Amino acid sequence: MKNIKILGPGCVRCRDTEMNVKKALEDLGIEANVSKITDYPQIMEYDIMSTPALVVDEVVKVSGRIPTVNEIKTFLS
């Protein structure tokens, strides 16, 4: 099972990222542990410069923008 983290303060862009992740998971028919990290010290552990960020299995895939549903699907395949 994949572990997915959405890093960010909970802004609209972070929520859009979460919606895209959920849509990608639904389209692929897979389950994953999805968590939102809003604590800045925890976010900084990933060495990113801007949010939102998407982390899949502890690897930062996207930072500073909202990934598309299709892009997320490639990360999960």
Protein backbone atom coordinates (compact mmCIF):
# COMPACT_ATOMS: atom_id res chain seq x y z
CA MET A 1 0.00 0.00 0.00
CA LYS A 2 1.27 3.45 -0.93
CA ASN A 3 1.84 6.16 1.65
CA ILE A 4 0.98 9.62 0.37
CA LYS A 5 1.58 12.89 2.19
CA ILE A 6 0.32 16.30 1.22
CA LEU A 7 2.52 19.00 2.70
CA GLY A 8 1.15 22.49 3.26
CA PRO A 9 -0.69 24.82 5.61
CA GLY A 10 -4.16 23.72 4.47
CA CYS A 11 -4.67 26.39 1.81
CA VAL A 12 -6.92 26.08 -1.23
CA ARG A 13 -4.01 24.73 -3.30
CA CYS A 14 -3.39 22.06 -0.68
CA ARG A 15 -7.06 21.06 -0.74
CA ASP A 16 -7.00 20.93 -4.55
CA THR A 17 -3.96 18.65 -4.37
CA GLU A 18 -5.81 16.39 -1.94
CA MET A 19 -8.85 16.25 -4.26
CA ASN A 20 -6.62 15.32 -7.20
CA VAL A 21 -4.93 12.58 -5.15
CA LYS A 22 -8.30 11.12 -4.16
CA LYS A 23 -9.53 11.24 -7.77
CA ALA A 24 -6.36 9.50 -9.02
CA LEU A 25 -6.72 6.78 -6.39
CA GLU A 26 -10.37 6.31 -7.31
CA ASP A 27 -9.59 6.14 -11.04
CA LEU A 28 -6.84 3.57 -10.46
CA GLY A 29 -8.94 1.58 -8.01
CA ILE A 30 -6.18 1.44 -5.41
CA GLU A 31 -6.04 2.24 -1.74
CA ALA A 32 -3.39 4.34 -0.04
CA ASN A 33 -2.69 5.95 3.28
CA VAL A 34 -3.20 9.66 2.64
CA SER A 35 -2.16 12.16 5.29
CA LYS A 36 -1.92 15.93 5.43
CA ILE A 37 1.12 17.46 7.07
CA THR A 38 0.51 21.05 8.20
CA ASP A 39 3.19 21.35 10.87
CA TYR A 40 5.99 23.55 9.48
CA PRO A 41 8.89 21.78 11.24
CA GLN A 42 7.66 18.48 9.76
CA ILE A 43 7.24 20.05 6.31
CA MET A 44 10.79 21.41 6.41
CA GLU A 45 12.14 17.89 7.01
CA TYR A 46 11.39 17.26 3.32
CA ASP A 47 13.66 20.10 2.18
CA ILE A 48 11.08 21.82 -0.02
CA MET A 49 10.95 25.52 -0.82
CA SER A 50 7.21 25.96 -1.41
CA THR A 51 3.89 24.23 -0.88
CA PRO A 52 1.81 22.36 -1.69
CA ALA A 53 4.05 19.35 -2.01
CA LEU A 54 3.22 15.74 -2.73
CA VAL A 55 5.25 12.94 -1.18
CA VAL A 56 4.77 9.32 -2.28
CA ASP A 57 6.49 6.65 -0.20
CA GLU A 58 8.79 9.30 1.33
CA VAL A 59 9.91 10.68 -2.06
CA VAL A 60 8.96 14.27 -2.94
CA LYS A 61 7.26 14.12 -6.34
CA VAL A 62 5.96 17.69 -6.69
CA SER A 63 6.59 20.93 -4.83
CA GLY A 64 5.19 24.41 -5.28
CA ARG A 65 2.31 23.54 -7.56
CA ILE A 66 -0.83 21.43 -7.82
CA PRO A 67 -0.15 18.12 -9.58
CA THR A 68 -2.73 17.00 -12.14
CA VAL A 69 -4.74 13.81 -11.69
CA ASN A 70 -2.91 12.18 -14.60
CA GLU A 71 0.45 13.18 -13.19
CA ILE A 72 -0.45 11.64 -9.83
CA LYS A 73 -1.52 8.45 -11.57
CA THR A 74 1.97 8.10 -13.06
CA PHE A 75 3.50 8.50 -9.59
CA LEU A 76 1.27 5.72 -8.26
CA SER A 77 1.71 3.26 -11.13
